[in-house]
Amino acid sequence: MEEQKKYIPVQQLKVYQLARELSSKGWEIYCKLSFEQKKLFGDQFLRAIDSIGANIAEGYARYHALDQVRFYHIARASMSEAINHWASLLLERKVISDTDYNFLFEKYKELEIKLNNFISTTRNASEK
């Protein structure tokens, strides 16, 4: 008989928790922007950074592993957009401090490893 997978709520997954930490910092940064900055680039930054956790949560709720992996790939792409493009642009334009950028980048590096491992584990589980 096939062993049933133990259900863990998405909120308890380290990969999701890290995404939420990035999202919280993104919101903190967004709230400090002027109206014009929010409209020019802040909205896109916030949408990308919030999309990371949203796609992890959506993928986690999917039944088939390959469908799950598809959403985790979208989360990874949103993470790259938020940090590699928007956050670095905010730093370059002196909208955020080095401290804020370094926090985002360190969380990004930690989440990148966890998310890549999460993708591999999910994909490998589907091949069994």
Protein backbone atom coordinates (compact mmCIF):
# COMPACT_ATOMS: atom_id res chain seq x y z
CA MET A 1 0.00 0.00 0.00
CA GLU A 2 1.25 3.47 -0.89
CA GLU A 3 2.28 5.60 2.08
CA GLN A 4 0.22 8.75 2.39
CA LYS A 5 2.12 12.04 2.39
CA LYS A 6 1.98 13.90 5.69
CA TYR A 7 0.34 17.30 5.20
CA ILE A 8 2.28 20.31 6.44
CA PRO A 9 0.55 23.71 6.19
CA VAL A 10 2.32 26.00 3.71
CA GLN A 11 2.88 28.55 6.48
CA GLN A 12 5.19 26.07 8.21
CA LEU A 13 7.45 25.58 5.19
CA LYS A 14 10.79 27.41 5.50
CA VAL A 15 10.70 28.26 1.79
CA TYR A 16 7.35 30.02 2.27
CA GLN A 17 8.48 31.76 5.47
CA LEU A 18 11.51 33.20 3.69
CA ALA A 19 9.28 34.44 0.86
CA ARG A 20 7.09 36.17 3.42
CA GLU A 21 10.13 37.80 5.04
CA LEU A 22 11.08 39.23 1.65
CA SER A 23 7.50 40.36 1.14
CA SER A 24 7.39 42.09 4.53
CA LYS A 25 10.60 43.97 3.80
CA GLY A 26 9.27 44.87 0.36
CA TRP A 27 6.14 46.34 1.94
CA GLU A 28 8.25 48.30 4.44
CA ILE A 29 10.25 49.78 1.55
CA TYR A 30 7.13 50.45 -0.54
CA CYS A 31 5.41 52.37 2.26
CA LYS A 32 8.33 54.84 2.40
CA LEU A 33 8.11 55.69 -1.30
CA SER A 34 6.49 58.86 -2.57
CA PHE A 35 3.31 58.59 -4.61
CA GLU A 36 5.28 59.18 -7.82
CA GLN A 37 7.89 56.52 -6.93
CA LYS A 38 5.13 54.03 -6.13
CA LYS A 39 3.58 54.56 -9.55
CA LEU A 40 6.86 54.60 -11.50
CA PHE A 41 8.49 51.48 -10.04
CA GLY A 42 7.22 50.71 -6.55
CA ASP A 43 4.04 48.96 -7.65
CA GLN A 44 5.98 46.61 -9.92
CA PHE A 45 8.57 45.91 -7.22
CA LEU A 46 5.86 45.09 -4.68
CA ARG A 47 3.88 42.96 -7.14
CA ALA A 48 7.00 40.92 -7.98
CA ILE A 49 8.11 40.45 -4.38
CA ASP A 50 4.61 39.49 -3.21
CA SER A 51 4.28 37.08 -6.11
CA ILE A 52 7.06 34.87 -4.72
CA GLY A 53 5.09 33.63 -1.72
CA ALA A 54 1.80 33.67 -3.62
CA ASN A 55 3.15 31.28 -6.25
CA ILE A 56 4.72 29.00 -3.65
CA ALA A 57 1.36 28.82 -1.86
CA GLU A 58 -0.55 28.22 -5.09
CA GLY A 59 1.86 25.56 -6.28
CA TYR A 60 1.80 23.83 -2.92
CA ALA A 61 -1.99 23.52 -3.18
CA ARG A 62 -1.81 21.84 -6.60
CA TYR A 63 -2.31 18.09 -6.81
CA HIS A 64 0.21 17.06 -9.47
CA ALA A 65 3.92 17.52 -8.84
CA LEU A 66 4.66 18.90 -12.31
CA ASP A 67 1.93 21.50 -11.84
CA GLN A 68 3.45 22.37 -8.46
CA VAL A 69 6.90 22.75 -10.01
CA ARG A 70 5.51 25.09 -12.67
CA PHE A 71 4.35 27.52 -9.95
CA TYR A 72 7.65 27.20 -8.06
CA HIS A 73 9.44 28.18 -11.27
CA ILE A 74 7.20 31.24 -11.53
CA ALA A 75 8.04 32.07 -7.90
CA ARG A 76 11.74 31.81 -8.72
CA ALA A 77 11.33 34.13 -11.73
CA SER A 78 9.42 36.66 -9.62
CA MET A 79 12.18 36.52 -7.04
CA SER A 80 14.76 37.31 -9.70
CA GLU A 81 12.65 40.18 -11.02
CA ALA A 82 12.11 41.64 -7.55
CA ILE A 83 15.71 41.44 -6.35
CA ASN A 84 17.97 41.31 -9.41
CA HIS A 85 16.08 44.03 -11.23
CA TRP A 86 13.87 46.18 -9.03
CA ALA A 87 15.83 46.11 -5.76
CA SER A 88 19.14 46.73 -7.52
CA LEU A 89 17.50 49.57 -9.47
CA LEU A 90 16.18 51.07 -6.23
CA LEU A 91 19.68 50.89 -4.79
CA GLU A 92 21.26 52.39 -7.90
CA ARG A 93 18.79 55.29 -7.78
CA LYS A 94 19.49 55.75 -4.06
CA VAL A 95 15.86 55.05 -3.15
CA ILE A 96 16.83 52.33 -0.67
CA SER A 97 19.83 52.07 1.62
CA ASP A 98 22.68 49.60 1.33
CA THR A 99 21.34 48.01 4.52
CA ASP A 100 17.89 47.41 3.00
CA TYR A 101 19.38 46.10 -0.22
CA ASN A 102 21.77 43.79 1.65
CA PHE A 103 18.87 42.40 3.69
CA LEU A 104 16.89 41.70 0.51
CA PHE A 105 19.88 40.17 -1.25
CA GLU A 106 20.80 37.90 1.69
CA LYS A 107 17.21 36.64 1.97
CA TYR A 108 17.18 36.18 -1.80
CA LYS A 109 20.32 34.01 -1.69
CA GLU A 110 18.93 31.93 1.18
CA LEU A 111 15.55 31.53 -0.52
CA GLU A 112 17.15 30.73 -3.88
CA ILE A 113 18.84 27.67 -2.39
CA LYS A 114 15.71 26.54 -0.51
CA LEU A 115 13.45 27.07 -3.50
CA ASN A 116 15.78 25.22 -5.89
CA ASN A 117 15.92 22.31 -3.44
CA PHE A 118 12.13 22.44 -3.05
CA ILE A 119 11.73 22.25 -6.83
CA SER A 120 14.16 19.31 -7.09
CA THR A 121 12.50 17.43 -4.24
CA THR A 122 9.04 17.94 -5.70
CA ARG A 123 10.18 16.91 -9.19
CA ASN A 124 12.02 13.83 -7.86
CA ALA A 125 8.98 12.77 -5.82
CA SER A 126 6.90 12.77 -9.01
CA GLU A 127 9.35 10.39 -10.69
CA LYS A 128 8.96 7.66 -8.06
